[in-house]
Amino acid sequence: MNFSGIIIGIFAFIITGIFHPIVVKSEYYFTEKIWPLFLILGIISAFLSLIIQNHTLSGIFGILSFVLLWCIRELKEQTKRVEKGWFPKNPKRKS
């Protein structure tokens, strides 16, 4: 039996679930200006996905890279959600 597809699917679910609160907290503490960090980590993960020989691990890093790149868009969306009042704004942040 080949479990690599199931393993990759499980990790896709976990990675996506982990990064939702990371995006929310990142916007809360650092604003959307932290997006270059997500870009750099996404590029590094994509590069690792290309050079890793293990297909399962390569797939997991590929998913991680695209989730990190998707986080850039979600940071901008999270800013809009905060402006609408759907999420709390950091009271220590200057307007």
C-alpha atoms as a PDB file:
ATOM      1  CA  MET A   1       0.000   0.000   0.000  1.00  0.00           C
ATOM      2  CA  ASN A   2       1.075   3.532  -0.733  1.00  0.00           C
ATOM      3  CA  PHE A   3       0.194   5.953   2.049  1.00  0.00           C
ATOM      4  CA  SER A   4       2.044   9.003   0.707  1.00  0.00           C
ATOM      5  CA  GLY A   5      -1.124  10.605  -0.721  1.00  0.00           C
ATOM      6  CA  ILE A   6      -2.957  10.209   2.583  1.00  0.00           C
ATOM      7  CA  ILE A   7       0.033  11.556   4.508  1.00  0.00           C
ATOM      8  CA  ILE A   8       0.302  14.580   2.209  1.00  0.00           C
ATOM      9  CA  GLY A   9      -3.447  15.201   2.571  1.00  0.00           C
ATOM     10  CA  ILE A  10      -3.253  15.059   6.350  1.00  0.00           C
ATOM     11  CA  PHE A  11      -0.355  17.506   6.365  1.00  0.00           C
ATOM     12  CA  ALA A  12      -2.220  19.825   3.965  1.00  0.00           C
ATOM     13  CA  PHE A  13      -5.122  19.890   6.411  1.00  0.00           C
ATOM     14  CA  ILE A  14      -2.835  20.476   9.404  1.00  0.00           C
ATOM     15  CA  ILE A  15      -0.710  23.157   7.723  1.00  0.00           C
ATOM     16  CA  THR A  16      -3.770  25.071   6.563  1.00  0.00           C
ATOM     17  CA  GLY A  17      -5.309  24.846  10.032  1.00  0.00           C
ATOM     18  CA  ILE A  18      -2.138  26.037  11.718  1.00  0.00           C
ATOM     19  CA  PHE A  19      -1.609  29.029   9.463  1.00  0.00           C
ATOM     20  CA  HIS A  20      -5.084  30.539   9.882  1.00  0.00           C
ATOM     21  CA  PRO A  21      -4.430  31.660  13.474  1.00  0.00           C
ATOM     22  CA  ILE A  22      -0.849  32.599  12.539  1.00  0.00           C
ATOM     23  CA  VAL A  23      -2.198  35.045   9.950  1.00  0.00           C
ATOM     24  CA  VAL A  24      -4.679  36.488  12.453  1.00  0.00           C
ATOM     25  CA  LYS A  25      -2.007  36.944  15.136  1.00  0.00           C
ATOM     26  CA  SER A  26       0.532  38.289  12.628  1.00  0.00           C
ATOM     27  CA  GLU A  27      -1.872  40.990  11.495  1.00  0.00           C
ATOM     28  CA  TYR A  28      -2.772  41.793  15.111  1.00  0.00           C
ATOM     29  CA  TYR A  29       0.823  42.237  16.311  1.00  0.00           C
ATOM     30  CA  PHE A  30       2.732  43.267  13.162  1.00  0.00           C
ATOM     31  CA  THR A  31       0.084  44.525  10.667  1.00  0.00           C
ATOM     32  CA  GLU A  32       0.175  43.338   7.090  1.00  0.00           C
ATOM     33  CA  LYS A  33       3.699  44.752   6.754  1.00  0.00           C
ATOM     34  CA  ILE A  34       5.038  41.354   7.804  1.00  0.00           C
ATOM     35  CA  TRP A  35       4.180  39.923   4.377  1.00  0.00           C
ATOM     36  CA  PRO A  36       7.840  39.790   3.190  1.00  0.00           C
ATOM     37  CA  LEU A  37       8.543  37.181   5.872  1.00  0.00           C
ATOM     38  CA  PHE A  38       5.817  34.952   4.444  1.00  0.00           C
ATOM     39  CA  LEU A  39       7.230  35.530   0.950  1.00  0.00           C
ATOM     40  CA  ILE A  40      10.754  34.548   1.967  1.00  0.00           C
ATOM     41  CA  LEU A  41       9.584  31.465   3.852  1.00  0.00           C
ATOM     42  CA  GLY A  42       7.365  30.499   0.907  1.00  0.00           C
ATOM     43  CA  ILE A  43      10.262  30.764  -1.538  1.00  0.00           C
ATOM     44  CA  ILE A  44      12.531  28.746   0.760  1.00  0.00           C
ATOM     45  CA  SER A  45       9.860  26.060   1.137  1.00  0.00           C
ATOM     46  CA  ALA A  46       9.357  25.918  -2.637  1.00  0.00           C
ATOM     47  CA  PHE A  47      13.102  25.548  -3.142  1.00  0.00           C
ATOM     48  CA  LEU A  48      13.251  22.766  -0.553  1.00  0.00           C
ATOM     49  CA  SER A  49      10.347  21.065  -2.290  1.00  0.00           C
ATOM     50  CA  LEU A  50      12.376  21.038  -5.503  1.00  0.00           C
ATOM     51  CA  ILE A  51      15.571  19.611  -4.043  1.00  0.00           C
ATOM     52  CA  ILE A  52      14.217  17.039  -1.563  1.00  0.00           C
ATOM     53  CA  GLN A  53      14.313  13.536  -3.045  1.00  0.00           C
ATOM     54  CA  ASN A  54      11.575  11.998  -0.888  1.00  0.00           C
ATOM     55  CA  HIS A  55       8.272  12.440  -2.746  1.00  0.00           C
ATOM     56  CA  THR A  56       6.123  12.682   0.374  1.00  0.00           C
ATOM     57  CA  LEU A  57       8.351  15.239   2.075  1.00  0.00           C
ATOM     58  CA  SER A  58       8.706  17.170  -1.177  1.00  0.00           C
ATOM     59  CA  GLY A  59       4.915  17.323  -1.474  1.00  0.00           C
ATOM     60  CA  ILE A  60       4.561  18.544   2.091  1.00  0.00           C
ATOM     61  CA  PHE A  61       7.067  21.349   1.473  1.00  0.00           C
ATOM     62  CA  GLY A  62       5.257  22.208  -1.752  1.00  0.00           C
ATOM     63  CA  ILE A  63       1.996  22.573   0.139  1.00  0.00           C
ATOM     64  CA  LEU A  64       3.735  24.588   2.838  1.00  0.00           C
ATOM     65  CA  SER A  65       5.191  26.943   0.240  1.00  0.00           C
ATOM     66  CA  PHE A  66       1.829  27.681  -1.343  1.00  0.00           C
ATOM     67  CA  VAL A  67       0.122  28.106   2.023  1.00  0.00           C
ATOM     68  CA  LEU A  68       2.812  30.613   2.999  1.00  0.00           C
ATOM     69  CA  LEU A  69       2.310  32.497  -0.260  1.00  0.00           C
ATOM     70  CA  TRP A  70      -1.474  32.404   0.239  1.00  0.00           C
ATOM     71  CA  CYS A  71      -0.921  33.940   3.683  1.00  0.00           C
ATOM     72  CA  ILE A  72       0.229  37.144   1.975  1.00  0.00           C
ATOM     73  CA  ARG A  73      -3.218  37.572   0.448  1.00  0.00           C
ATOM     74  CA  GLU A  74      -4.902  36.551   3.679  1.00  0.00           C
ATOM     75  CA  LEU A  75      -2.956  39.208   5.599  1.00  0.00           C
ATOM     76  CA  LYS A  76      -4.472  41.871   3.349  1.00  0.00           C
ATOM     77  CA  GLU A  77      -7.915  40.309   3.748  1.00  0.00           C
ATOM     78  CA  GLN A  78      -7.435  40.149   7.519  1.00  0.00           C
ATOM     79  CA  THR A  79      -6.702  43.870   7.563  1.00  0.00           C
ATOM     80  CA  LYS A  80     -10.050  44.456   5.848  1.00  0.00           C
ATOM     81  CA  ARG A  81     -11.786  42.173   8.350  1.00  0.00           C
ATOM     82  CA  VAL A  82     -10.306  44.173  11.234  1.00  0.00           C
ATOM     83  CA  GLU A  83     -11.450  47.445   9.635  1.00  0.00           C
ATOM     84  CA  LYS A  84     -14.977  46.020   9.370  1.00  0.00           C
ATOM     85  CA  GLY A  85     -14.869  45.086  13.065  1.00  0.00           C
ATOM     86  CA  TRP A  86     -15.036  41.327  12.502  1.00  0.00           C
ATOM     87  CA  PHE A  87     -11.728  40.839  14.383  1.00  0.00           C
ATOM     88  CA  PRO A  88     -10.264  42.895  17.226  1.00  0.00           C
ATOM     89  CA  LYS A  89      -7.756  45.633  16.485  1.00  0.00           C
ATOM     90  CA  ASN A  90      -4.587  45.793  18.560  1.00  0.00           C
ATOM     91  CA  PRO A  91      -5.191  48.701  20.963  1.00  0.00           C
ATOM     92  CA  LYS A  92      -1.447  49.348  21.266  1.00  0.00           C
ATOM     93  CA  ARG A  93      -1.117  49.966  17.524  1.00  0.00           C
ATOM     94  CA  LYS A  94      -1.167  53.566  16.321  1.00  0.00           C
ATOM     95  CA  SER A  95      -3.938  54.318  13.847  1.00  0.00           C
END
